[in-house]
Amino acid sequence: MIVSGAETRVSGRPLLRVAWVVMALVPLLAIGVSAGAAGQAFGTGDVFVAVSNGQVQWHNPDGSLVTTLNDGSGGFTTGMGFDAAGNLYVTDFSGGGAHTNGATPNGPRVSGGKDVGAVSVFDNSGNLTGTFGSGFTNPESILFDKAGDAYVGNAGSDQILKFDSNGNQLNSYSVATESRGADWIDLAADQCTMFYTSEGVSVKRFDVCANAQLPDFATGLTGDNAYALRLLPTGGALVADTQQIVRLDADGNVIQTYDAEGEDGWFALNLDPNGTSFWSADFNTADVVKFDIATGDVQEQFNTGTGSGTVFGLTVFGEITVGGGGQADLAITKTDSPDPVLVGDLLTYVIHVTNAGPDDAANVKVTDTLPSTVTFDSASSGCSGTKTVTCSLGTIANGESATLIIRVVPNKKGKVTNQATVSSSTPDPVAANNAASATTTVNPAPAGGVQTGAGGTAGRSSGLPTAVVVALLLGTAALGVRRRARS
């Protein structure tokens, strides 16, 4: 609900508007409108774990479970990725296709033709919206390039498939394989070099621009099978190598290893948005672990509770992808005026949102939950609500900004602190600047004064209550009418 520029009040108390708001909310409460998990949208650092049976667990950054998403495929869920709008794409390794060939994500390659598996899509709140693309053979990984096109690695064939943002196939690439197909993929910043594993002992490369095989990036890895990999922005890569996780330098040499007690089935892997850590998961134990890249220390750990042989994919909202981009650093500031302010006078908040990039921020939203000691007065166009004010700013381009205004009326003396937050469907790598607060001193209205709406007072001849003053004025007016009538 928007009340733009509505500054006319009776003693600072918009009683009619409050009643109207309550009546307007009644049908909405009856309908029970919901958006995702109790209205929650994906947040930076949220962890998504593919746990088979068509399901993906959505966890907060501390590992606590938000909810479990289900695409209805019933098969193995594996690698995942996000597009620029923050939608989640899940590879259904064996479910959703025309048939199944009996393959498992960590087992040997099984021939069985195409149309085995699918890719499911969830919106930024975890609602299933449909499927994406076709012609897969046990799809196991998916990523997006800077243009918004998608690449899908197929474990059941030697094909890496390329699709536009609508799921139309643009190209296919036949790549050299080891014991599996084009298993786990990651694209370099040059938008041409595709790094991939084939459940062997190497990290291989293919030029998707020239459609040509390139020399291997790394060979002779010591684990049973090399699975998920992620390129590091500083150069090199991380690879889940069954018994351990290895860090490779820019030349493909092993320079560091990571492990945790009791884990010998490292399979899934993804970088955390903070740039200093990564997550990995073990298919034997269903443990999910966050490691510090520099020290190897375990920072977080949780278990999915789904048992052995279920966890075969992991991603993080706001993940760092060298070749994909799709991040926007939003920052918010908030100022108050006047400060101090009198009870019953207007208090104006000016909220400023900027996008430091590197990409455009889509579906930008500012949320401001008003304190109980103020009453909503008005807000900029695009805002709704009177208790929690939500303002939709659309897309803010890289380097651009937006400003909005929220006006309230304090109803109690003291200090009032108001916080606003900004969010977007585009992953934000820096969460620390997504909230801003303003604290205002609210002074009581002086005895014998009335509010002017500008933070001051004007003299009043009587300290009588407003209702009494109004009654006297009406009575005087009526008396005047009678006298004129008699005359």
Protein backbone atom coordinates (compact mmCIF):
# COMPACT_ATOMS: atom_id res chain seq x y z
CA MET A 1 0.00 0.00 0.00
CA ILE A 2 1.37 3.45 -0.94
CA VAL A 3 0.42 6.75 0.65
CA SER A 4 2.68 9.11 -1.24
CA GLY A 5 2.94 12.65 0.06
CA ALA A 6 0.09 12.10 2.56
CA GLU A 7 1.24 14.47 5.28
CA THR A 8 -2.19 15.72 6.47
CA ARG A 9 -2.93 14.41 9.96
CA VAL A 10 -5.11 15.07 13.02
CA SER A 11 -2.67 15.57 15.89
CA GLY A 12 -0.20 13.28 14.07
CA ARG A 13 -2.56 10.29 14.37
CA PRO A 14 -3.85 9.00 10.99
CA LEU A 15 -6.70 6.99 12.55
CA LEU A 16 -8.78 6.63 9.38
CA ARG A 17 -5.77 5.42 7.40
CA VAL A 18 -4.91 2.84 10.09
CA ALA A 19 -8.46 1.50 9.99
CA TRP A 20 -8.31 1.34 6.18
CA VAL A 21 -5.00 -0.54 6.34
CA VAL A 22 -6.43 -3.11 8.76
CA MET A 23 -9.48 -3.69 6.56
CA ALA A 24 -7.26 -4.04 3.47
CA LEU A 25 -5.10 -6.65 5.17
CA VAL A 26 -8.00 -8.92 6.20
CA PRO A 27 -8.50 -10.59 2.78
CA LEU A 28 -4.73 -11.05 2.33
CA LEU A 29 -4.48 -12.84 5.66
CA ALA A 30 -7.39 -15.07 4.68
CA ILE A 31 -5.73 -15.98 1.38
CA GLY A 32 -2.44 -16.91 3.12
CA VAL A 33 -0.15 -15.64 0.37
CA SER A 34 3.31 -17.23 0.69
CA ALA A 35 6.64 -16.79 -1.09
CA GLY A 36 9.00 -19.73 -0.70
CA ALA A 37 10.11 -20.78 2.79
CA ALA A 38 7.96 -18.55 5.01
CA GLY A 39 8.60 -15.64 2.65
CA GLN A 40 12.37 -16.16 2.74
CA ALA A 41 14.47 -15.62 -0.38
CA PHE A 42 17.91 -17.08 -1.08
CA GLY A 43 20.56 -15.16 0.85
CA THR A 44 24.27 -14.73 0.24
CA GLY A 45 26.15 -17.68 1.73
CA ASP A 46 23.15 -20.01 1.83
CA VAL A 47 24.23 -23.60 1.12
CA PHE A 48 22.27 -25.95 -1.15
CA VAL A 49 22.97 -29.69 -0.93
CA ALA A 50 21.70 -32.23 -3.45
CA VAL A 51 20.50 -35.20 -1.39
CA SER A 52 18.92 -37.46 -4.06
CA ASN A 53 15.23 -38.45 -4.42
CA GLY A 54 14.69 -35.27 -6.42
CA GLN A 55 15.53 -33.19 -3.35
CA VAL A 56 17.84 -30.32 -2.43
CA GLN A 57 18.36 -29.16 1.14
CA TRP A 58 18.52 -25.39 1.63
CA HIS A 59 20.70 -24.38 4.60
CA ASN A 60 21.62 -21.07 6.19
CA PRO A 61 25.33 -20.14 6.18
CA ASP A 62 25.67 -21.61 9.69
CA GLY A 63 24.36 -24.98 8.47
CA SER A 64 20.87 -24.76 9.98
CA LEU A 65 18.18 -26.14 7.67
CA VAL A 66 15.76 -23.71 6.04
CA THR A 67 13.71 -26.21 4.05
CA THR A 68 13.98 -29.05 1.54
CA LEU A 69 13.22 -28.36 -2.11
CA ASN A 70 11.75 -31.13 -4.25
CA ASP A 71 11.62 -31.15 -8.05
CA GLY A 72 9.52 -34.31 -8.19
CA SER A 73 11.99 -36.22 -10.36
CA GLY A 74 12.67 -38.87 -7.72
CA GLY A 75 16.20 -39.51 -8.93
CA PHE A 76 19.73 -38.42 -8.01
CA THR A 77 20.17 -34.66 -7.74
CA THR A 78 23.73 -33.56 -8.48
CA GLY A 79 25.50 -30.34 -9.54
CA MET A 80 23.74 -26.96 -9.36
CA GLY A 81 24.21 -23.35 -10.40
CA PHE A 82 22.53 -19.93 -10.35
CA ASP A 83 21.68 -17.63 -13.23
CA ALA A 84 22.06 -13.84 -13.01
CA ALA A 85 18.52 -13.50 -11.62
CA GLY A 86 19.31 -15.84 -8.72
CA ASN A 87 17.27 -18.79 -9.97
CA LEU A 88 18.58 -22.22 -8.93
CA TYR A 89 19.24 -24.85 -11.62
CA VAL A 90 19.52 -28.45 -10.43
CA THR A 91 20.86 -31.31 -12.54
CA ASP A 92 18.68 -34.41 -12.15
CA PHE A 93 21.23 -37.09 -12.90
CA SER A 94 18.72 -39.88 -13.47
CA GLY A 95 15.24 -38.48 -12.87
CA GLY A 96 12.91 -36.55 -15.11
CA GLY A 97 14.06 -37.99 -18.43
CA ALA A 98 12.41 -40.43 -20.80
CA HIS A 99 14.05 -43.34 -19.03
CA THR A 100 16.84 -44.25 -16.63
CA ASN A 101 19.97 -46.19 -17.45
CA GLY A 102 20.70 -47.33 -13.88
CA ALA A 103 23.83 -45.23 -13.50
CA THR A 104 24.89 -43.60 -10.22
CA PRO A 105 26.83 -40.33 -9.87
CA ASN A 106 29.91 -42.01 -8.41
CA GLY A 107 29.68 -45.27 -10.37
CA PRO A 108 30.92 -46.37 -13.80
CA ARG A 109 29.57 -44.94 -17.03
CA VAL A 110 26.49 -46.75 -18.35
CA SER A 111 25.41 -46.45 -21.98
CA GLY A 112 21.75 -45.89 -22.61
CA GLY A 113 21.17 -43.12 -25.12
CA LYS A 114 20.05 -39.57 -24.53
CA ASP A 115 17.15 -38.15 -22.55
CA VAL A 116 18.42 -39.64 -19.30
CA GLY A 117 18.02 -36.98 -16.64
CA ALA A 118 16.88 -33.38 -16.69
CA VAL A 119 17.58 -29.91 -15.28
CA SER A 120 15.02 -28.45 -12.86
CA VAL A 121 14.62 -24.75 -12.04
CA PHE A 122 13.63 -23.07 -8.76
CA ASP A 123 13.06 -19.35 -8.38
CA ASN A 124 14.86 -17.17 -5.84
CA SER A 125 12.43 -18.21 -3.09
CA GLY A 126 12.68 -21.95 -3.72
CA ASN A 127 9.51 -22.40 -5.77
CA LEU A 128 9.75 -24.98 -8.58
CA THR A 129 9.14 -23.24 -11.92
CA GLY A 130 9.82 -26.03 -14.43
CA THR A 131 12.65 -27.66 -16.35
CA PHE A 132 15.41 -26.37 -18.60
CA GLY A 133 16.89 -27.79 -21.83
CA SER A 134 16.81 -31.39 -23.07
CA GLY A 135 18.88 -34.12 -24.67
CA PHE A 136 20.93 -34.94 -21.58
CA THR A 137 22.79 -38.13 -20.71
CA ASN A 138 23.17 -38.18 -16.92
CA PRO A 139 23.73 -34.43 -16.46
CA GLU A 140 25.93 -33.81 -13.45
CA SER A 141 27.05 -30.17 -13.53
CA ILE A 142 25.81 -26.83 -14.83
CA LEU A 143 27.25 -23.31 -15.03
CA PHE A 144 26.48 -19.95 -16.64
CA ASP A 145 28.84 -17.73 -18.63
CA LYS A 146 28.87 -13.93 -18.57
CA ALA A 147 26.40 -13.78 -21.47
CA GLY A 148 23.87 -15.80 -19.48
CA ASP A 149 24.24 -18.97 -21.56
CA ALA A 150 24.41 -22.31 -19.75
CA TYR A 151 26.81 -25.24 -20.11
CA VAL A 152 25.85 -28.72 -18.88
CA GLY A 153 28.35 -31.53 -18.29
CA ASN A 154 27.03 -35.02 -19.01
CA ALA A 155 28.56 -37.91 -17.07
CA GLY A 156 26.95 -40.48 -19.37
CA SER A 157 28.53 -39.20 -22.59
CA ASP A 158 31.45 -37.19 -23.94
CA GLN A 159 29.16 -34.20 -24.51
CA ILE A 160 29.19 -30.74 -22.97
CA LEU A 161 25.99 -29.02 -24.08
CA LYS A 162 25.47 -25.27 -24.43
CA PHE A 163 22.03 -23.60 -24.09
CA ASP A 164 20.71 -20.06 -24.26
CA SER A 165 18.86 -18.58 -21.29
CA ASN A 166 15.56 -20.04 -22.58
CA GLY A 167 16.91 -23.60 -22.70
CA ASN A 168 17.41 -23.77 -26.48
CA GLN A 169 20.51 -25.78 -27.39
CA LEU A 170 23.18 -23.65 -29.05
CA ASN A 171 26.03 -26.13 -29.40
CA SER A 172 27.52 -29.43 -28.28
CA TYR A 173 31.15 -30.31 -27.74
CA SER A 174 32.66 -33.81 -27.89
CA VAL A 175 35.50 -33.88 -25.39
CA ALA A 176 38.17 -36.41 -24.45
CA THR A 177 37.20 -38.52 -21.44
CA GLU A 178 38.67 -40.91 -18.89
CA SER A 179 36.55 -43.43 -16.96
CA ARG A 180 33.42 -41.28 -17.17
CA GLY A 181 32.03 -38.61 -19.48
CA ALA A 182 32.22 -34.83 -19.31
CA ASP A 183 31.56 -35.01 -15.59
CA TRP A 184 32.20 -31.77 -13.67
CA ILE A 185 32.90 -28.53 -15.56
CA ASP A 186 34.09 -24.98 -14.84
CA LEU A 187 34.68 -22.10 -17.26
CA ALA A 188 37.72 -19.82 -17.20
CA ALA A 189 37.47 -16.03 -17.23
CA ASP A 190 38.42 -15.97 -20.93
CA GLN A 191 34.97 -17.51 -21.65
CA CYS A 192 36.65 -20.13 -23.84
CA THR A 193 38.65 -22.57 -21.72
CA MET A 194 36.49 -25.24 -20.12
CA PHE A 195 38.12 -27.20 -17.29
CA TYR A 196 36.53 -30.56 -16.50
CA THR A 197 37.00 -33.91 -14.80
CA SER A 198 36.02 -37.38 -16.06
CA GLU A 199 36.25 -39.37 -12.81
CA GLY A 200 39.86 -40.24 -13.55
CA VAL A 201 43.16 -38.83 -12.34
CA SER A 202 43.29 -35.68 -14.47
CA VAL A 203 41.82 -32.23 -14.87
CA LYS A 204 41.22 -31.82 -18.58
CA ARG A 205 40.58 -28.76 -20.78
CA PHE A 206 38.61 -27.94 -23.90
CA ASP A 207 38.34 -24.72 -25.94
CA VAL A 208 34.62 -24.07 -26.46
CA CYS A 209 35.35 -21.07 -28.69
CA ALA A 210 37.56 -22.98 -31.14
CA ASN A 211 35.83 -26.33 -30.51
CA ALA A 212 39.21 -27.95 -29.86
CA GLN A 213 40.70 -30.21 -27.22
CA LEU A 214 43.50 -28.63 -25.15
CA PRO A 215 46.36 -30.19 -23.16
CA ASP A 216 45.44 -31.52 -19.71
CA PHE A 217 45.72 -29.01 -16.88
CA ALA A 218 46.72 -31.57 -14.25
CA THR A 219 47.55 -35.28 -14.32
CA GLY A 220 48.46 -37.99 -11.84
CA LEU A 221 46.09 -36.99 -9.06
CA THR A 222 46.33 -39.58 -6.29
CA GLY A 223 42.66 -40.00 -5.32
CA ASP A 224 40.48 -42.78 -6.68
CA ASN A 225 38.46 -40.35 -8.82
CA ALA A 226 38.55 -36.62 -9.45
CA TYR A 227 35.03 -35.17 -9.10
CA ALA A 228 33.85 -31.57 -8.64
CA LEU A 229 36.25 -28.72 -9.29
CA ARG A 230 36.28 -24.93 -8.97
CA LEU A 231 38.70 -22.46 -10.49
CA LEU A 232 40.16 -19.95 -8.03
CA PRO A 233 40.15 -16.21 -8.84
CA THR A 234 43.80 -16.08 -7.76
CA GLY A 235 44.74 -18.86 -10.20
CA GLY A 236 44.71 -22.62 -9.93
CA ALA A 237 41.81 -24.77 -8.81
CA LEU A 238 40.28 -26.88 -6.06
CA VAL A 239 39.34 -30.50 -6.86
CA ALA A 240 37.34 -33.00 -4.79
CA ASP A 241 39.57 -36.06 -5.22
CA THR A 242 37.69 -38.76 -3.23
CA GLN A 243 40.05 -39.32 -0.30
CA GLN A 244 41.06 -35.68 -0.07
CA ILE A 245 40.56 -32.27 -1.65
CA VAL A 246 43.52 -30.86 -3.54
CA ARG A 247 44.51 -27.32 -4.39
CA LEU A 248 46.32 -26.87 -7.69
CA ASP A 249 48.45 -23.88 -8.63
CA ALA A 250 48.23 -22.09 -11.99
CA ASP A 251 50.43 -24.78 -13.54
CA GLY A 252 48.36 -27.70 -12.26
CA ASN A 253 50.70 -28.73 -9.45
CA VAL A 254 49.29 -29.89 -6.09
CA ILE A 255 50.26 -27.28 -3.50
CA GLN A 256 47.84 -28.06 -0.65
CA THR A 257 45.43 -30.76 0.53
CA TYR A 258 42.32 -30.65 2.73
CA ASP A 259 40.59 -33.39 4.72
CA ALA A 260 38.52 -34.04 7.82
CA GLU A 261 38.48 -37.06 10.09
CA GLY A 262 36.41 -39.98 8.81
CA GLU A 263 35.84 -38.53 5.32
CA ASP A 264 36.95 -40.58 2.29
CA GLY A 265 34.33 -39.75 -0.31
CA TRP A 266 34.81 -36.08 -1.20
CA PHE A 267 32.60 -35.44 -4.20
CA ALA A 268 30.87 -32.03 -4.24
CA LEU A 269 32.67 -28.69 -3.97
CA ASN A 270 31.99 -24.97 -4.31
CA LEU A 271 33.53 -21.65 -3.28
CA ASP A 272 32.02 -19.49 -0.56
CA PRO A 273 31.17 -15.85 -1.44
CA ASN A 274 33.63 -14.56 1.16
CA GLY A 275 36.54 -15.54 -1.13
CA THR A 276 38.51 -17.15 1.68
CA SER A 277 36.74 -20.48 2.14
CA PHE A 278 35.01 -23.32 0.30
CA TRP A 279 32.44 -26.05 0.97
CA SER A 280 32.70 -29.73 0.15
CA ALA A 281 30.58 -32.81 0.83
CA ASP A 282 31.29 -36.52 1.31
CA PHE A 283 28.97 -39.04 -0.39
CA ASN A 284 29.84 -41.78 2.13
CA THR A 285 28.99 -39.90 5.31
CA ALA A 286 26.62 -37.14 4.02
CA ASP A 287 28.79 -34.65 5.91
CA VAL A 288 29.07 -31.10 4.55
CA VAL A 289 32.20 -29.18 5.58
CA LYS A 290 33.44 -25.61 5.16
CA PHE A 291 37.23 -25.17 4.95
CA ASP A 292 39.47 -22.12 5.18
CA ILE A 293 41.41 -22.05 1.90
CA ALA A 294 44.63 -20.67 3.38
CA THR A 295 44.85 -22.71 6.58
CA GLY A 296 42.71 -25.76 5.86
CA ASP A 297 40.85 -25.27 9.15
CA VAL A 298 37.28 -26.54 9.37
CA GLN A 299 34.98 -23.54 9.89
CA GLU A 300 31.52 -25.14 9.73
CA GLN A 301 30.21 -28.71 9.51
CA PHE A 302 26.80 -30.36 9.39
CA ASN A 303 25.24 -33.64 8.28
CA THR A 304 22.26 -33.84 5.93
CA GLY A 305 20.79 -36.83 7.77
CA THR A 306 20.04 -38.56 4.47
CA GLY A 307 22.54 -41.39 4.78
CA SER A 308 25.33 -42.80 2.65
CA GLY A 309 25.13 -42.60 -1.12
CA THR A 310 22.80 -39.59 -1.25
CA VAL A 311 24.89 -36.40 -1.34
CA PHE A 312 26.21 -35.74 -4.85
CA GLY A 313 26.09 -31.99 -5.33
CA LEU A 314 26.52 -28.69 -3.51
CA THR A 315 26.34 -25.00 -4.34
CA VAL A 316 26.36 -21.70 -2.44
CA PHE A 317 24.26 -18.63 -3.22
CA GLY A 318 26.67 -15.89 -4.20
CA GLU A 319 29.25 -18.51 -5.17
CA ILE A 320 32.39 -17.24 -6.84
CA THR A 321 32.55 -18.45 -10.43
CA VAL A 322 35.53 -17.19 -12.40
CA GLY A 323 33.79 -17.49 -15.75
CA GLY A 324 30.24 -16.66 -14.76
CA GLY A 325 30.20 -13.34 -12.97
CA GLY A 326 26.67 -12.72 -11.82
CA GLN A 327 27.52 -10.80 -8.63
CA ALA A 328 26.52 -7.33 -7.49
CA ASP A 329 27.83 -5.61 -4.36
CA LEU A 330 24.88 -3.58 -3.08
CA ALA A 331 25.35 -1.07 -0.26
CA ILE A 332 22.72 0.89 1.67
CA THR A 333 22.87 4.08 3.74
CA LYS A 334 20.16 5.77 5.80
CA THR A 335 19.80 9.30 7.19
CA ASP A 336 17.14 10.90 9.40
CA SER A 337 15.76 14.44 9.52
CA PRO A 338 15.09 16.37 11.67
CA ASP A 339 17.06 15.11 14.63
CA PRO A 340 15.88 15.77 17.26
CA VAL A 341 12.20 15.61 16.37
CA LEU A 342 9.08 16.25 18.44
CA VAL A 343 6.40 13.69 19.23
CA GLY A 344 3.72 14.04 16.57
CA ASP A 345 5.95 15.74 13.98
CA LEU A 346 7.19 14.29 10.71
CA LEU A 347 10.42 12.29 10.71
CA THR A 348 11.92 11.65 7.27
CA TYR A 349 14.27 8.81 6.41
CA VAL A 350 16.32 9.06 3.20
CA ILE A 351 17.61 5.68 2.01
CA HIS A 352 20.32 5.45 -0.65
CA VAL A 353 21.26 2.19 -2.42
CA THR A 354 24.35 1.85 -4.63
CA ASN A 355 25.63 -1.02 -6.77
CA ALA A 356 29.40 -1.47 -6.88
CA GLY A 357 29.07 -4.36 -9.35
CA PRO A 358 30.67 -6.04 -11.06
CA ASP A 359 27.25 -6.88 -12.55
CA ASP A 360 23.77 -5.40 -12.62
CA ALA A 361 21.61 -6.19 -9.58
CA ALA A 362 18.19 -7.59 -10.48
CA ASN A 363 15.00 -7.44 -8.39
CA VAL A 364 16.46 -5.06 -5.82
CA LYS A 365 14.31 -4.70 -2.71
CA VAL A 366 14.61 -2.51 0.39
CA THR A 367 12.88 -3.71 3.56
CA ASP A 368 12.29 -1.42 6.53
CA THR A 369 10.51 -2.80 9.61
CA LEU A 370 9.27 0.29 11.45
CA PRO A 371 9.67 0.53 15.24
CA SER A 372 6.51 0.35 17.32
CA THR A 373 7.09 3.92 18.54
CA VAL A 374 6.43 5.48 15.11
CA THR A 375 3.43 5.55 12.80
CA PHE A 376 3.83 5.25 9.04
CA ASP A 377 3.01 8.42 7.11
CA SER A 378 4.17 8.07 3.48
CA ALA A 379 6.80 6.54 1.22
CA SER A 380 8.23 6.77 -2.27
CA SER A 381 6.52 5.22 -5.25
CA GLY A 382 7.17 1.49 -5.41
CA CYS A 383 6.88 1.03 -1.64
CA SER A 384 4.12 -0.83 0.19
CA GLY A 385 3.21 -1.67 3.77
CA THR A 386 2.77 0.38 6.93
CA LYS A 387 4.45 -1.78 9.58
CA THR A 388 7.09 -3.37 7.38
CA VAL A 389 7.70 -1.12 4.39
CA THR A 390 8.93 -2.95 1.29
CA CYS A 391 10.25 -0.96 -1.66
CA SER A 392 10.87 -2.56 -5.06
CA LEU A 393 13.64 -0.83 -7.00
CA GLY A 394 13.84 -3.19 -9.99
CA THR A 395 17.28 -3.49 -11.60
CA ILE A 396 20.15 -1.24 -10.51
CA ALA A 397 22.93 -1.28 -13.07
CA ASN A 398 26.58 -1.62 -12.15
CA GLY A 399 27.76 1.77 -10.88
CA GLU A 400 24.25 3.20 -10.54
CA SER A 401 22.19 4.07 -7.44
CA ALA A 402 18.64 4.70 -6.24
CA THR A 403 17.15 6.86 -3.51
CA LEU A 404 13.84 6.52 -1.68
CA ILE A 405 12.09 8.30 1.17
CA ILE A 406 10.02 6.97 4.07
CA ARG A 407 8.18 9.38 6.40
CA VAL A 408 6.89 8.47 9.85
CA VAL A 409 5.40 10.20 12.90
CA PRO A 410 6.99 9.44 16.29
CA ASN A 411 4.43 8.77 19.03
CA LYS A 412 6.68 8.36 22.06
CA LYS A 413 9.60 10.33 23.46
CA GLY A 414 13.06 8.79 23.73
CA LYS A 415 15.46 7.25 21.23
CA VAL A 416 14.11 5.50 18.15
CA THR A 417 16.35 3.31 15.99
CA ASN A 418 15.21 2.21 12.55
CA GLN A 419 17.07 -0.25 10.29
CA ALA A 420 16.64 -0.88 6.59
CA THR A 421 18.11 -3.75 4.56
CA VAL A 422 18.69 -4.24 0.84
CA SER A 423 18.53 -7.52 -1.08
CA SER A 424 18.59 -8.70 -4.68
CA SER A 425 18.09 -11.88 -6.65
CA THR A 426 21.65 -11.33 -7.93
CA PRO A 427 24.19 -12.82 -5.49
CA ASP A 428 25.92 -10.20 -3.33
CA PRO A 429 29.52 -11.04 -2.36
CA VAL A 430 29.59 -8.53 0.52
CA ALA A 431 26.82 -8.92 3.08
CA ALA A 432 28.29 -6.49 5.62
CA ASN A 433 26.99 -3.39 3.81
CA ASN A 434 23.44 -4.63 3.21
CA ALA A 435 21.92 -2.97 6.31
CA ALA A 436 21.88 0.59 7.63
CA SER A 437 20.35 2.22 10.71
CA ALA A 438 19.48 5.69 11.94
CA THR A 439 18.88 6.64 15.59
CA THR A 440 16.79 9.72 16.30
CA THR A 441 16.10 11.62 19.52
CA VAL A 442 12.37 12.17 20.01
CA ASN A 443 11.46 15.01 22.39
CA PRO A 444 8.03 15.53 23.94
CA ALA A 445 5.82 18.27 22.53
CA PRO A 446 5.99 21.30 24.89
CA ALA A 447 2.97 21.94 27.06
CA GLY A 448 0.73 24.58 25.52
CA GLY A 449 2.10 23.99 22.00
CA VAL A 450 0.82 22.29 18.87
CA GLN A 451 2.84 20.55 16.24
CA THR A 452 3.51 22.45 13.06
CA GLY A 453 4.70 19.49 10.99
CA ALA A 454 8.18 21.02 10.71
CA GLY A 455 9.70 20.06 14.03
CA GLY A 456 8.56 23.17 15.95
CA THR A 457 5.60 24.42 17.97
CA ALA A 458 3.15 27.28 17.80
CA GLY A 459 1.48 29.01 20.76
CA ARG A 460 -1.91 27.81 21.89
CA SER A 461 -4.20 29.75 24.26
CA SER A 462 -5.56 26.67 25.97
CA GLY A 463 -4.13 23.39 27.19
CA LEU A 464 -7.50 21.70 26.71
CA PRO A 465 -7.55 18.31 25.00
CA THR A 466 -7.97 18.37 21.24
CA ALA A 467 -11.43 16.75 21.39
CA VAL A 468 -12.65 19.51 23.73
CA VAL A 469 -11.20 22.25 21.54
CA VAL A 470 -12.89 20.78 18.46
CA ALA A 471 -16.22 20.54 20.29
CA LEU A 472 -16.00 24.16 21.42
CA LEU A 473 -15.16 25.30 17.90
CA LEU A 474 -18.12 23.39 16.47
CA GLY A 475 -20.42 24.77 19.14
CA THR A 476 -19.25 28.32 18.49
CA ALA A 477 -19.82 27.91 14.77
CA ALA A 478 -23.32 26.57 15.36
CA LEU A 479 -24.12 29.46 17.67
CA GLY A 480 -22.98 31.92 15.02
CA VAL A 481 -25.26 30.30 12.47
CA ARG A 482 -28.26 30.64 14.81
CA ARG A 483 -27.54 34.32 15.46
CA ARG A 484 -27.30 35.07 11.76
CA ALA A 485 -30.52 33.19 11.19
CA ARG A 486 -32.32 35.26 13.86
CA SER A 487 -31.04 38.48 12.46
